[in-house]
PDB file of N, CA and C in Angstrom:
ATOM      1  N   UNK A   1     101.603 -39.977 143.364  1.00  0.00           N
ATOM      2  CA  UNK A   1     101.655 -40.843 142.198  1.00  0.00           C
ATOM      3  C   UNK A   1     102.959 -40.633 141.427  1.00  0.00           C
ATOM      4  N   UNK A   2     103.334 -39.400 141.235  1.00  0.00           N
ATOM      5  CA  UNK A   2     104.586 -39.120 140.530  1.00  0.00           C
ATOM      6  C   UNK A   2     105.777 -39.690 141.283  1.00  0.00           C
ATOM      7  N   UNK A   3     105.733 -39.584 142.593  1.00  0.00           N
ATOM      8  CA  UNK A   3     106.838 -40.077 143.410  1.00  0.00           C
ATOM      9  C   UNK A   3     107.021 -41.588 143.230  1.00  0.00           C
ATOM     10  N   UNK A   4     105.920 -42.330 143.135  1.00  0.00           N
ATOM     11  CA  UNK A   4     105.989 -43.786 142.934  1.00  0.00           C
ATOM     12  C   UNK A   4     106.595 -44.106 141.577  1.00  0.00           C
ATOM     13  N   UNK A   5     106.166 -43.405 140.546  1.00  0.00           N
ATOM     14  CA  UNK A   5     106.714 -43.640 139.215  1.00  0.00           C
ATOM     15  C   UNK A   5     108.203 -43.331 139.191  1.00  0.00           C
ATOM     16  N   UNK A   6     108.599 -42.272 139.877  1.00  0.00           N
ATOM     17  CA  UNK A   6     110.002 -41.903 139.918  1.00  0.00           C
ATOM     18  C   UNK A   6     110.803 -42.988 140.635  1.00  0.00           C
ATOM     19  N   UNK A   7     110.268 -43.519 141.726  1.00  0.00           N
ATOM     20  CA  UNK A   7     110.952 -44.592 142.460  1.00  0.00           C
ATOM     21  C   UNK A   7     111.041 -45.858 141.626  1.00  0.00           C
ATOM     22  N   UNK A   8     109.977 -46.178 140.883  1.00  0.00           N
ATOM     23  CA  UNK A   8     109.992 -47.363 140.019  1.00  0.00           C
ATOM     24  C   UNK A   8     111.051 -47.230 138.929  1.00  0.00           C
ATOM     25  N   UNK A   9     111.149 -46.051 138.342  1.00  0.00           N
ATOM     26  CA  UNK A   9     112.147 -45.816 137.298  1.00  0.00           C
ATOM     27  C   UNK A   9     113.554 -45.923 137.866  1.00  0.00           C
ATOM     28  N   UNK A  10     113.745 -45.369 139.043  1.00  0.00           N
ATOM     29  CA  UNK A  10     115.058 -45.432 139.687  1.00  0.00           C
ATOM     30  C   UNK A  10     115.411 -46.873 140.015  1.00  0.00           C
ATOM     31  N   UNK A  11     114.441 -47.635 140.513  1.00  0.00           N
ATOM     32  CA  UNK A  11     114.679 -49.046 140.834  1.00  0.00           C
ATOM     33  C   UNK A  11     115.063 -49.825 139.586  1.00  0.00           C
ATOM     34  N   UNK A  12     114.358 -49.549 138.486  1.00  0.00           N
ATOM     35  CA  UNK A  12     114.662 -50.233 137.233  1.00  0.00           C
ATOM     36  C   UNK A  12     116.064 -49.878 136.756  1.00  0.00           C
ATOM     37  N   UNK A  13     116.457 -48.613 136.925  1.00  0.00           N
ATOM     38  CA  UNK A  13     117.793 -48.186 136.538  1.00  0.00           C
ATOM     39  C   UNK A  13     118.855 -48.919 137.357  1.00  0.00           C
ATOM     40  N   UNK A  14     118.646 -48.997 138.649  1.00  0.00           N
ATOM     41  CA  UNK A  14     119.599 -49.678 139.525  1.00  0.00           C
ATOM     42  C   UNK A  14     119.679 -51.164 139.177  1.00  0.00           C
ATOM     43  N   UNK A  15     118.537 -51.800 138.920  1.00  0.00           N
ATOM     44  CA  UNK A  15     118.542 -53.221 138.545  1.00  0.00           C
ATOM     45  C   UNK A  15     119.292 -53.427 137.233  1.00  0.00           C
ATOM     46  N   UNK A  16     119.081 -52.530 136.280  1.00  0.00           N
ATOM     47  CA  UNK A  16     119.784 -52.638 135.004  1.00  0.00           C
ATOM     48  C   UNK A  16     121.280 -52.489 135.157  1.00  0.00           C
ATOM     49  N   UNK A  17     121.683 -51.546 135.983  1.00  0.00           N
ATOM     50  CA  UNK A  17     123.112 -51.357 136.231  1.00  0.00           C
ATOM     51  C   UNK A  17     123.705 -52.591 136.915  1.00  0.00           C
ATOM     52  N   UNK A  18     122.947 -53.170 137.828  1.00  0.00           N
ATOM     53  CA  UNK A  18     123.401 -54.384 138.497  1.00  0.00           C
ATOM     54  C   UNK A  18     123.584 -55.536 137.529  1.00  0.00           C
ATOM     55  N   UNK A  19     122.679 -55.647 136.563  1.00  0.00           N
ATOM     56  CA  UNK A  19     122.788 -56.723 135.572  1.00  0.00           C
ATOM     57  C   UNK A  19     124.003 -56.526 134.673  1.00  0.00           C
ATOM     58  N   UNK A  20     124.316 -55.262 134.380  1.00  0.00           N
ATOM     59  CA  UNK A  20     125.492 -54.980 133.551  1.00  0.00           C
ATOM     60  C   UNK A  20     126.763 -55.397 134.287  1.00  0.00           C
ATOM     61  N   UNK A  21     126.800 -55.134 135.573  1.00  0.00           N
ATOM     62  CA  UNK A  21     128.001 -55.420 136.357  1.00  0.00           C
ATOM     63  C   UNK A  21     128.108 -56.882 136.774  1.00  0.00           C
ATOM     64  N   UNK A  22     127.022 -57.631 136.691  1.00  0.00           N
ATOM     65  CA  UNK A  22     127.005 -59.023 137.127  1.00  0.00           C
ATOM     66  C   UNK A  22     127.428 -59.933 135.974  1.00  0.00           C
ATOM     67  N   UNK A  23     128.647 -60.412 136.002  1.00  0.00           N
ATOM     68  CA  UNK A  23     129.191 -61.247 134.928  1.00  0.00           C
ATOM     69  C   UNK A  23     128.450 -62.581 134.850  1.00  0.00           C
ATOM     70  N   UNK A  24     128.096 -63.168 135.982  1.00  0.00           N
ATOM     71  CA  UNK A  24     127.385 -64.448 135.977  1.00  0.00           C
ATOM     72  C   UNK A  24     126.043 -64.336 135.276  1.00  0.00           C
ATOM     73  N   UNK A  25     125.346 -63.232 135.476  1.00  0.00           N
ATOM     74  CA  UNK A  25     124.053 -63.033 134.814  1.00  0.00           C
ATOM     75  C   UNK A  25     124.238 -63.020 133.308  1.00  0.00           C
ATOM     76  N   UNK A  26     125.277 -62.357 132.836  1.00  0.00           N
ATOM     77  CA  UNK A  26     125.516 -62.262 131.392  1.00  0.00           C
ATOM     78  C   UNK A  26     125.810 -63.657 130.825  1.00  0.00           C
ATOM     79  N   UNK A  27     126.615 -64.434 131.498  1.00  0.00           N
ATOM     80  CA  UNK A  27     126.924 -65.781 131.010  1.00  0.00           C
ATOM     81  C   UNK A  27     125.680 -66.654 130.967  1.00  0.00           C
ATOM     82  N   UNK A  28     124.884 -66.612 132.001  1.00  0.00           N
ATOM     83  CA  UNK A  28     123.680 -67.441 132.059  1.00  0.00           C
ATOM     84  C   UNK A  28     122.687 -67.015 130.989  1.00  0.00           C
ATOM     85  N   UNK A  29     122.496 -65.715 130.822  1.00  0.00           N
ATOM     86  CA  UNK A  29     121.514 -65.252 129.849  1.00  0.00           C
ATOM     87  C   UNK A  29     121.937 -65.577 128.425  1.00  0.00           C
ATOM     88  N   UNK A  30     123.250 -65.637 128.151  1.00  0.00           N
ATOM     89  CA  UNK A  30     123.710 -66.000 126.809  1.00  0.00           C
ATOM     90  C   UNK A  30     123.533 -67.490 126.545  1.00  0.00           C
ATOM     91  N   UNK A  31     123.570 -68.297 127.592  1.00  0.00           N
ATOM     92  CA  UNK A  31     123.429 -69.740 127.424  1.00  0.00           C
ATOM     93  C   UNK A  31     121.982 -70.158 127.185  1.00  0.00           C
ATOM     94  N   UNK A  32     121.050 -69.377 127.692  1.00  0.00           N
ATOM     95  CA  UNK A  32     119.639 -69.710 127.508  1.00  0.00           C
ATOM     96  C   UNK A  32     119.236 -69.438 126.071  1.00  0.00           C
ATOM     97  N   UNK A  33     118.529 -70.374 125.479  1.00  0.00           N
ATOM     98  CA  UNK A  33     118.028 -70.167 124.133  1.00  0.00           C
ATOM     99  C   UNK A  33     116.626 -69.587 124.234  1.00  0.00           C
ATOM    100  N   UNK A  34     116.427 -68.495 123.554  1.00  0.00           N
ATOM    101  CA  UNK A  34     115.101 -67.891 123.573  1.00  0.00           C
ATOM    102  C   UNK A  34     114.197 -68.657 122.609  1.00  0.00           C
ATOM    103  N   UNK A  35     112.925 -68.769 122.935  1.00  0.00           N
ATOM    104  CA  UNK A  35     112.009 -69.496 122.049  1.00  0.00           C
ATOM    105  C   UNK A  35     111.824 -68.750 120.737  1.00  0.00           C
ATOM    106  N   UNK A  36     111.590 -69.502 119.702  1.00  0.00           N
ATOM    107  CA  UNK A  36     111.375 -68.912 118.372  1.00  0.00           C
ATOM    108  C   UNK A  36     110.015 -68.239 118.358  1.00  0.00           C
ATOM    109  N   UNK A  37     110.022 -66.955 118.168  1.00  0.00           N
ATOM    110  CA  UNK A  37     108.783 -66.189 118.124  1.00  0.00           C
ATOM    111  C   UNK A  37     108.706 -65.524 116.765  1.00  0.00           C
ATOM    112  N   UNK A  38     107.546 -65.635 116.139  1.00  0.00           N
ATOM    113  CA  UNK A  38     107.366 -64.996 114.850  1.00  0.00           C
ATOM    114  C   UNK A  38     107.439 -63.484 114.995  1.00  0.00           C
ATOM    115  N   UNK A  39     108.146 -62.871 114.087  1.00  0.00           N
ATOM    116  CA  UNK A  39     108.155 -61.420 114.071  1.00  0.00           C
ATOM    117  C   UNK A  39     106.850 -60.944 113.456  1.00  0.00           C
ATOM    118  N   UNK A  40     106.529 -59.686 113.642  1.00  0.00           N
ATOM    119  CA  UNK A  40     105.320 -59.129 113.047  1.00  0.00           C
ATOM    120  C   UNK A  40     105.347 -59.291 111.535  1.00  0.00           C
ATOM    121  N   UNK A  41     106.516 -59.073 110.940  1.00  0.00           N
ATOM    122  CA  UNK A  41     106.658 -59.211 109.492  1.00  0.00           C
ATOM    123  C   UNK A  41     106.293 -60.618 109.036  1.00  0.00           C
ATOM    124  N   UNK A  42     106.846 -61.614 109.717  1.00  0.00           N
ATOM    125  CA  UNK A  42     106.579 -63.006 109.334  1.00  0.00           C
ATOM    126  C   UNK A  42     105.111 -63.359 109.521  1.00  0.00           C
ATOM    127  N   UNK A  43     104.497 -62.858 110.586  1.00  0.00           N
ATOM    128  CA  UNK A  43     103.093 -63.154 110.848  1.00  0.00           C
ATOM    129  C   UNK A  43     102.198 -62.541 109.775  1.00  0.00           C
ATOM    130  N   UNK A  44     102.458 -61.281 109.423  1.00  0.00           N
ATOM    131  CA  UNK A  44     101.645 -60.615 108.392  1.00  0.00           C
ATOM    132  C   UNK A  44     101.864 -61.274 107.043  1.00  0.00           C
ATOM    133  N   UNK A  45     103.115 -61.633 106.756  1.00  0.00           N
ATOM    134  CA  UNK A  45     103.424 -62.299 105.482  1.00  0.00           C
ATOM    135  C   UNK A  45     102.663 -63.613 105.354  1.00  0.00           C
ATOM    136  N   UNK A  46     102.687 -64.412 106.410  1.00  0.00           N
ATOM    137  CA  UNK A  46     101.994 -65.703 106.333  1.00  0.00           C
ATOM    138  C   UNK A  46     100.482 -65.511 106.242  1.00  0.00           C
ATOM    139  N   UNK A  47      99.952 -64.491 106.905  1.00  0.00           N
ATOM    140  CA  UNK A  47      98.519 -64.210 106.792  1.00  0.00           C
ATOM    141  C   UNK A  47      98.142 -63.874 105.354  1.00  0.00           C
ATOM    142  N   UNK A  48      98.937 -63.020 104.704  1.00  0.00           N
ATOM    143  CA  UNK A  48      98.625 -62.635 103.324  1.00  0.00           C
ATOM    144  C   UNK A  48      98.847 -63.788 102.356  1.00  0.00           C
ATOM    145  N   UNK A  49      99.773 -64.683 102.650  1.00  0.00           N
ATOM    146  CA  UNK A  49      99.935 -65.870 101.814  1.00  0.00           C
ATOM    147  C   UNK A  49      98.691 -66.738 101.888  1.00  0.00           C
ATOM    148  N   UNK A  50      98.113 -66.848 103.077  1.00  0.00           N
ATOM    149  CA  UNK A  50      96.868 -67.608 103.244  1.00  0.00           C
ATOM    150  C   UNK A  50      95.728 -66.945 102.467  1.00  0.00           C
ATOM    151  N   UNK A  51      95.633 -65.624 102.557  1.00  0.00           N
ATOM    152  CA  UNK A  51      94.588 -64.892 101.841  1.00  0.00           C
ATOM    153  C   UNK A  51      94.754 -65.095 100.337  1.00  0.00           C
ATOM    154  N   UNK A  52      95.991 -64.998  99.857  1.00  0.00           N
ATOM    155  CA  UNK A  52      96.253 -65.207  98.433  1.00  0.00           C
ATOM    156  C   UNK A  52      95.860 -66.601  97.984  1.00  0.00           C
ATOM    157  N   UNK A  53      96.160 -67.601  98.806  1.00  0.00           N
ATOM    158  CA  UNK A  53      95.766 -68.973  98.474  1.00  0.00           C
ATOM    159  C   UNK A  53      94.260 -69.138  98.428  1.00  0.00           C
ATOM    160  N   UNK A  54      93.553 -68.482  99.361  1.00  0.00           N
ATOM    161  CA  UNK A  54      92.092 -68.553  99.368  1.00  0.00           C
ATOM    162  C   UNK A  54      91.507 -67.894  98.123  1.00  0.00           C
ATOM    163  N   UNK A  55      92.065 -66.757  97.734  1.00  0.00           N
ATOM    164  CA  UNK A  55      91.580 -66.062  96.536  1.00  0.00           C
ATOM    165  C   UNK A  55      91.839 -66.900  95.296  1.00  0.00           C
ATOM    166  N   UNK A  56      93.034 -67.478  95.198  1.00  0.00           N
ATOM    167  CA  UNK A  56      93.363 -68.328  94.057  1.00  0.00           C
ATOM    168  C   UNK A  56      92.417 -69.523  93.976  1.00  0.00           C
ATOM    169  N   UNK A  57      92.132 -70.135  95.118  1.00  0.00           N
ATOM    170  CA  UNK A  57      91.208 -71.266  95.154  1.00  0.00           C
ATOM    171  C   UNK A  57      89.806 -70.826  94.703  1.00  0.00           C
ATOM    172  N   UNK A  58      89.369 -69.666  95.171  1.00  0.00           N
ATOM    173  CA  UNK A  58      88.049 -69.161  94.788  1.00  0.00           C
ATOM    174  C   UNK A  58      87.945 -68.874  93.307  1.00  0.00           C
ATOM    175  N   UNK A  59      88.977 -68.295  92.726  1.00  0.00           N
ATOM    176  CA  UNK A  59      88.972 -67.997  91.289  1.00  0.00           C
ATOM    177  C   UNK A  59      88.951 -69.283  90.488  1.00  0.00           C
ATOM    178  N   UNK A  60      89.754 -70.249  90.889  1.00  0.00           N
ATOM    179  CA  UNK A  60      89.784 -71.541  90.184  1.00  0.00           C
ATOM    180  C   UNK A  60      88.423 -72.220  90.255  1.00  0.00           C
ATOM    181  N   UNK A  61      87.810 -72.222  91.411  1.00  0.00           N
ATOM    182  CA  UNK A  61      86.492 -72.834  91.581  1.00  0.00           C
ATOM    183  C   UNK A  61      85.441 -72.108  90.732  1.00  0.00           C
ATOM    184  N   UNK A  62      85.513 -70.790  90.679  1.00  0.00           N
ATOM    185  CA  UNK A  62      84.570 -70.003  89.884  1.00  0.00           C
ATOM    186  C   UNK A  62      84.733 -70.316  88.401  1.00  0.00           C
ATOM    187  N   UNK A  63      85.987 -70.396  87.922  1.00  0.00           N
ATOM    188  CA  UNK A  63      86.226 -70.713  86.508  1.00  0.00           C
ATOM    189  C   UNK A  63      85.708 -72.084  86.149  1.00  0.00           C
ATOM    190  N   UNK A  64      85.841 -73.044  87.072  1.00  0.00           N
ATOM    191  CA  UNK A  64      85.322 -74.391  86.812  1.00  0.00           C
ATOM    192  C   UNK A  64      83.804 -74.394  86.719  1.00  0.00           C
ATOM    193  N   UNK A  65      83.149 -73.589  87.541  1.00  0.00           N
ATOM    194  CA  UNK A  65      81.690 -73.541  87.528  1.00  0.00           C
ATOM    195  C   UNK A  65      81.143 -72.892  86.254  1.00  0.00           C
ATOM    196  N   UNK A  66      81.834 -71.842  85.769  1.00  0.00           N
ATOM    197  CA  UNK A  66      81.305 -71.170  84.581  1.00  0.00           C
ATOM    198  C   UNK A  66      81.849 -71.783  83.290  1.00  0.00           C
ATOM    199  N   UNK A  67      82.821 -72.679  83.409  1.00  0.00           N
ATOM    200  CA  UNK A  67      83.333 -73.407  82.254  1.00  0.00           C
ATOM    201  C   UNK A  67      84.402 -72.680  81.475  1.00  0.00           C
ATOM    202  N   UNK A  68      85.225 -71.911  82.113  1.00  0.00           N
ATOM    203  CA  UNK A  68      86.331 -71.225  81.421  1.00  0.00           C
ATOM    204  C   UNK A  68      87.518 -72.111  81.262  1.00  0.00           C
TER     205      UNK A  68
END
């Protein structure tokens, strides 16, 4: 099992070195636009904004019911 992991790591190292030396790969990868993915920060921020809006709505509804 250890031998397989060692071979996998070595293979990954060799592939990485090959990508560094391959100029065409670098040009192609820079031309591709990566899809917009939300960062963890943005996802958590938007979740808490939703929670805040729900709480605000609940408080407003409660005040209307009790007549404040």
